[in-house]
Each structure stands twice: as C-alpha cells, then as structure tokens.
Amino acid sequence: FVLGGLYLVAFDEMLDRWWLGLAGRERPNVLLIPTATGDSPHSIDVFARRFQSECTITVLRLFERSHRKLEDAFKDVDIVYVMGGNTASMLAVWRVHGLEKELRRAYDRGVILGGSSAGAICWGTGGTTDSFGGLDALTNGLGFLPFSFSPHHEEPGRKLLFETAVTNGRLTMGYGIDNGVGLLFKDRKLAQVVSERPSASAYAVKSKFWGRIKVTQLIPTPP
C-alpha cells in the first residue's frame, strides 16, 4: 500500500485503520523503518504512542543499527511501514546496508509493504521528491512495482513536475496521490483506492494523459 501523505499533524485515524486492517488480524506485527527521518527518536516515539495499543511494533534502525542480522527484524512480521522523510538518502542507506534484499524477500513471501511519502515512492520506479532541496524527479526506486508515485500531489509544483517527467520519459507511468489517499496493489496491479477526505483525489498519469481515479471514501468509526 502507498499513502500520499498525512493530511493532519496527527496520524490519520481512518487511513490507519485501513492499512492496519490489511493484515486481517486483531493485533498485527508491524516493522517500522524510520530511515528517511534519520531514525529520528521523536518520529519513532510519535508512531509508537499512536499505534502501540493496536499493533506490536519492531523498529529497524540503520544509523545506530538495531539488528546485526537484518533478517531477524522481519521474523513474524505482518506489515512493513516505512516513514516519510528524505527518499533519496533513505534509498542510499538501504542499499549500503543491503536492506533492499530483505525487503524483496519479504515482498516475495507476501508481507504487506507500505508507507507514506518516502514510504510510498520507494516501492516503485521513482517519483516526485524534495530530497534534493527543491522539487525534482527521483528515478531509482526499488522497482517492486512498475509505477512511479507523486505523493502530496495537491501541493504546488507536484502535478506539473510529475506530468512533465512522465511525458518526457524520466519517470514511468504512475500515480499522483493527494494527502489523505491510500492505494493498495495486489500482484503488481492497482486493487483499491481509498480516501479519508471528500476533496482528496488520486490520478493515473501516462505520457500525454492524466485522469482522475475513482476513490472509495473511508467512513469514520461511530463513537
């Protein structure tokens, strides 16, 4: 699953309930990978406080490496969640440590992989990013999915950059995702599009073409 980005400062409860529910169990085991934040203790703490009552969390740190054998972090994991931050730096660090190989093994055995912003871009071929200071196209994603992604797609400059990069071949066909929108892929195909905001959209972008995708509105849980 890929998320366009968080709409509010707090985590989005409806989207959270959606992606946690993908595991099909009451209390899933979640592997949190915060590399894009520089393994920020604050970001890890915010995530833990939000989700510790709903799932069992393991944190994989690479800057002060938490697991000598990376495969140990993936034992009994239902969902891998990658936090947002600097996508380019995250991918570089992953490759130095060989994490992309463990992620691929997890993907191949059916572990649910996902995340927001950087945690959305990484699974495809590339996308729009501000990793380099200003907005630019990133073209060296992991390639688990044959698409590119533009998170925070409603923000100034994202749409034009994405459409231009796809049209001129810098990026493959892909999806623009507003904040508050989630996409689910099964067998490398788009299976579900959800949103917690009526005004949020997702777009399919091909060379010289873009179109809005039908979105299923998530419904708040009654109090």
Protein backbone atom coordinates (compact mmCIF):
# COMPACT_ATOMS: atom_id res chain seq x y z
CA PHE A 1 0.00 0.00 0.00
CA VAL A 2 1.12 3.56 -0.61
CA LEU A 3 -0.14 6.71 1.13
CA GLY A 4 0.03 10.16 -0.40
CA GLY A 5 0.90 11.74 2.91
CA LEU A 6 -0.61 12.71 6.21
CA TYR A 7 -3.30 15.37 5.96
CA LEU A 8 -3.16 16.44 9.60
CA VAL A 9 -0.25 16.76 12.02
CA ALA A 10 -1.69 13.78 13.90
CA PHE A 11 -1.83 10.41 12.20
CA ASP A 12 -4.94 9.90 10.07
CA GLU A 13 -7.21 7.56 12.01
CA MET A 14 -9.30 6.28 9.10
CA LEU A 15 -6.29 5.57 6.89
CA ASP A 16 -4.54 3.97 9.87
CA ARG A 17 -7.48 1.67 10.45
CA TRP A 18 -7.47 0.81 6.73
CA TRP A 19 -3.81 -0.19 6.40
CA LEU A 20 -3.67 -1.97 9.75
CA GLY A 21 -6.75 -3.92 8.70
CA LEU A 22 -4.95 -5.26 5.62
CA ALA A 23 -3.20 -7.80 7.85
CA GLY A 24 -6.51 -9.46 8.69
CA ARG A 25 -5.71 -9.93 12.36
CA GLU A 26 -6.62 -8.08 15.52
CA ARG A 27 -3.10 -7.09 16.56
CA PRO A 28 -0.67 -7.28 13.63
CA ASN A 29 3.11 -7.26 13.95
CA VAL A 30 4.43 -4.07 12.34
CA LEU A 31 8.06 -3.46 11.38
CA LEU A 32 8.70 0.28 11.43
CA ILE A 33 11.55 1.55 9.23
CA PRO A 34 12.31 5.23 10.01
CA THR A 35 15.45 5.62 7.85
CA ALA A 36 14.04 8.60 5.91
CA THR A 37 13.87 10.58 9.16
CA GLY A 38 17.46 9.72 10.05
CA ASP A 39 15.99 7.27 12.59
CA SER A 40 14.62 10.26 14.49
CA PRO A 41 13.78 9.24 18.07
CA HIS A 42 10.94 11.77 18.11
CA SER A 43 9.32 10.31 14.97
CA ILE A 44 9.66 6.78 16.33
CA ASP A 45 8.12 7.87 19.64
CA VAL A 46 5.17 9.56 17.91
CA PHE A 47 4.49 6.41 15.89
CA ALA A 48 4.82 4.16 18.94
CA ARG A 49 2.48 6.27 21.07
CA ARG A 50 -0.12 6.31 18.29
CA PHE A 51 -0.04 2.59 17.48
CA GLN A 52 1.23 0.65 20.49
CA SER A 53 -2.32 -0.22 21.58
CA GLU A 54 -3.23 -1.52 18.10
CA CYS A 55 -0.20 -3.48 16.96
CA THR A 56 3.12 -4.92 18.09
CA ILE A 57 5.94 -2.69 16.84
CA THR A 58 9.52 -3.58 15.99
CA VAL A 59 11.81 -0.73 14.93
CA LEU A 60 14.62 -1.32 12.43
CA ARG A 61 17.29 1.38 12.83
CA LEU A 62 20.23 1.62 10.46
CA PHE A 63 22.10 4.71 11.70
CA GLU A 64 22.67 3.11 15.09
CA ARG A 65 21.93 -0.32 13.76
CA SER A 66 19.40 -2.19 15.85
CA HIS A 67 19.77 -5.65 14.27
CA ARG A 68 23.09 -7.28 13.40
CA LYS A 69 21.24 -9.65 11.06
CA LEU A 70 18.59 -7.75 9.13
CA GLU A 71 16.53 -10.88 8.62
CA ASP A 72 15.92 -11.04 12.36
CA ALA A 73 13.84 -7.86 12.16
CA PHE A 74 11.48 -9.48 9.65
CA LYS A 75 10.56 -12.53 11.72
CA ASP A 76 6.78 -12.94 12.12
CA VAL A 77 6.14 -9.52 10.53
CA ASP A 78 2.71 -8.85 9.01
CA ILE A 79 3.27 -5.28 7.81
CA VAL A 80 6.35 -3.21 7.00
CA TYR A 81 5.71 0.52 7.43
CA VAL A 82 8.24 3.00 6.01
CA MET A 83 8.08 6.55 7.34
CA GLY A 84 8.31 9.71 5.25
CA GLY A 85 11.36 11.94 5.03
CA ASN A 86 14.29 12.13 2.62
CA THR A 87 13.64 9.45 -0.01
CA ALA A 88 16.99 9.73 -1.81
CA SER A 89 19.04 9.46 1.37
CA MET A 90 16.87 6.60 2.63
CA LEU A 91 17.39 4.53 -0.53
CA ALA A 92 21.14 5.14 -0.44
CA VAL A 93 21.39 3.99 3.17
CA TRP A 94 19.22 0.93 2.46
CA ARG A 95 21.49 -0.11 -0.39
CA VAL A 96 24.67 0.30 1.65
CA HIS A 97 23.22 -2.00 4.31
CA GLY A 98 21.60 -4.41 1.83
CA LEU A 99 18.13 -3.80 3.22
CA GLU A 100 16.53 -3.78 -0.22
CA LYS A 101 17.30 -7.52 -0.47
CA GLU A 102 15.44 -8.30 2.77
CA LEU A 103 12.54 -6.13 1.67
CA ARG A 104 12.37 -8.04 -1.60
CA ARG A 105 12.34 -11.36 0.27
CA ALA A 106 9.53 -10.07 2.47
CA TYR A 107 7.61 -8.89 -0.60
CA ASP A 108 8.01 -12.24 -2.32
CA ARG A 109 6.63 -14.15 0.67
CA GLY A 110 3.58 -11.93 0.97
CA VAL A 111 4.44 -9.48 3.74
CA ILE A 112 2.42 -6.26 3.36
CA LEU A 113 4.76 -3.40 2.43
CA GLY A 114 3.80 0.24 2.58
CA GLY A 115 4.26 3.70 3.96
CA SER A 116 3.69 7.38 3.45
CA SER A 117 5.51 9.89 1.22
CA ALA A 118 9.07 8.48 1.02
CA GLY A 119 7.48 5.23 2.17
CA ALA A 120 5.26 5.35 -0.92
CA ILE A 121 7.80 6.44 -3.54
CA CYS A 122 10.35 3.77 -2.63
CA TRP A 123 8.38 0.72 -3.80
CA GLY A 124 8.04 1.88 -7.40
CA THR A 125 10.40 3.09 -10.08
CA GLY A 126 10.64 6.64 -8.75
CA GLY A 127 8.58 9.76 -8.22
CA THR A 128 8.50 13.40 -7.21
CA THR A 129 10.63 14.39 -4.26
CA ASP A 130 12.10 17.34 -2.41
CA SER A 131 15.04 15.19 -1.25
CA PHE A 132 17.50 17.40 -3.14
CA GLY A 133 16.30 20.73 -1.76
CA GLY A 134 13.76 21.66 -4.42
CA LEU A 135 11.22 19.50 -6.23
CA ASP A 136 12.75 17.06 -8.69
CA ALA A 137 12.22 13.60 -10.14
CA LEU A 138 13.77 10.63 -8.36
CA THR A 139 14.37 7.72 -10.73
CA ASN A 140 15.99 4.95 -8.67
CA GLY A 141 13.19 3.42 -6.62
CA LEU A 142 13.26 -0.25 -5.67
CA GLY A 143 11.08 -1.22 -8.64
CA PHE A 144 8.92 -3.75 -6.80
CA LEU A 145 6.00 -2.05 -8.54
CA PRO A 146 6.29 -0.94 -12.20
CA PHE A 147 4.94 2.54 -11.46
CA SER A 148 6.16 5.93 -10.28
CA PHE A 149 4.45 7.88 -7.49
CA SER A 150 3.85 11.53 -6.69
CA PRO A 151 2.83 11.91 -3.03
CA HIS A 152 1.40 15.20 -1.68
CA HIS A 153 0.17 15.62 -5.23
CA GLU A 154 -2.02 18.65 -4.48
CA GLU A 155 0.97 20.68 -3.28
CA PRO A 156 2.30 23.43 -5.63
CA GLY A 157 4.55 22.15 -8.40
CA ARG A 158 3.97 18.43 -7.90
CA LYS A 159 1.41 17.89 -10.66
CA LEU A 160 3.34 19.77 -13.33
CA LEU A 161 6.64 18.10 -12.41
CA PHE A 162 5.08 14.65 -12.42
CA GLU A 163 3.21 15.04 -15.69
CA THR A 164 6.28 16.54 -17.39
CA ALA A 165 8.62 13.81 -16.09
CA VAL A 166 6.26 11.04 -17.24
CA THR A 167 5.71 12.67 -20.64
CA ASN A 168 9.43 13.08 -21.34
CA GLY A 169 10.26 9.58 -20.12
CA ARG A 170 12.20 10.45 -16.96
CA LEU A 171 9.54 8.63 -14.96
CA THR A 172 7.39 5.65 -15.86
CA MET A 173 3.61 5.79 -15.91
CA GLY A 174 2.41 6.31 -12.37
CA TYR A 175 0.01 7.69 -9.82
CA GLY A 176 -0.41 11.08 -8.22
CA ILE A 177 -1.75 10.81 -4.67
CA ASP A 178 -3.15 13.64 -2.59
CA ASN A 179 -2.62 13.71 1.16
CA GLY A 180 -5.20 11.51 2.85
CA VAL A 181 -5.37 8.99 -0.03
CA GLY A 182 -4.18 5.38 0.00
CA LEU A 183 -3.59 2.95 -2.86
CA LEU A 184 -3.47 -0.83 -2.48
CA PHE A 185 -1.65 -3.01 -5.01
CA LYS A 186 -2.04 -6.77 -5.38
CA ASP A 187 0.05 -8.80 -7.82
CA ARG A 188 1.59 -5.51 -9.06
CA LYS A 189 -1.86 -4.18 -10.05
CA LEU A 190 -3.94 -1.41 -8.50
CA ALA A 191 -6.63 -3.08 -6.42
CA GLN A 192 -8.12 -0.33 -4.23
CA VAL A 193 -8.11 3.45 -3.87
CA VAL A 194 -9.36 4.97 -0.61
CA SER A 195 -9.56 8.45 0.85
CA GLU A 196 -10.48 9.96 4.19
CA ARG A 197 -11.18 13.38 2.64
CA PRO A 198 -14.00 14.06 0.16
CA SER A 199 -11.81 16.59 -1.65
CA ALA A 200 -8.75 14.32 -1.98
CA SER A 201 -8.00 12.63 -5.30
CA ALA A 202 -5.73 10.13 -6.98
CA TYR A 203 -4.61 10.40 -10.60
CA ALA A 204 -3.29 7.96 -13.19
CA VAL A 205 -0.60 9.69 -15.25
CA LYS A 206 0.65 8.34 -18.56
CA SER A 207 2.54 10.02 -21.37
CA LYS A 208 0.39 12.94 -22.63
CA PHE A 209 -2.56 11.79 -20.49
CA TRP A 210 -3.80 12.06 -16.93
CA GLY A 211 -7.10 11.06 -15.41
CA ARG A 212 -8.74 11.12 -12.01
CA ILE A 213 -9.29 7.68 -10.42
CA LYS A 214 -12.50 6.68 -8.64
CA VAL A 215 -11.93 6.86 -4.89
CA THR A 216 -13.73 4.93 -2.14
CA GLN A 217 -14.47 7.26 0.76
CA LEU A 218 -13.49 5.85 4.13
CA ILE A 219 -16.20 6.09 6.79
CA PRO A 220 -15.38 7.18 10.34
CA THR A 221 -15.99 4.63 13.08
CA PRO A 222 -19.03 5.67 15.19
CA PRO A 223 -18.09 6.83 18.73
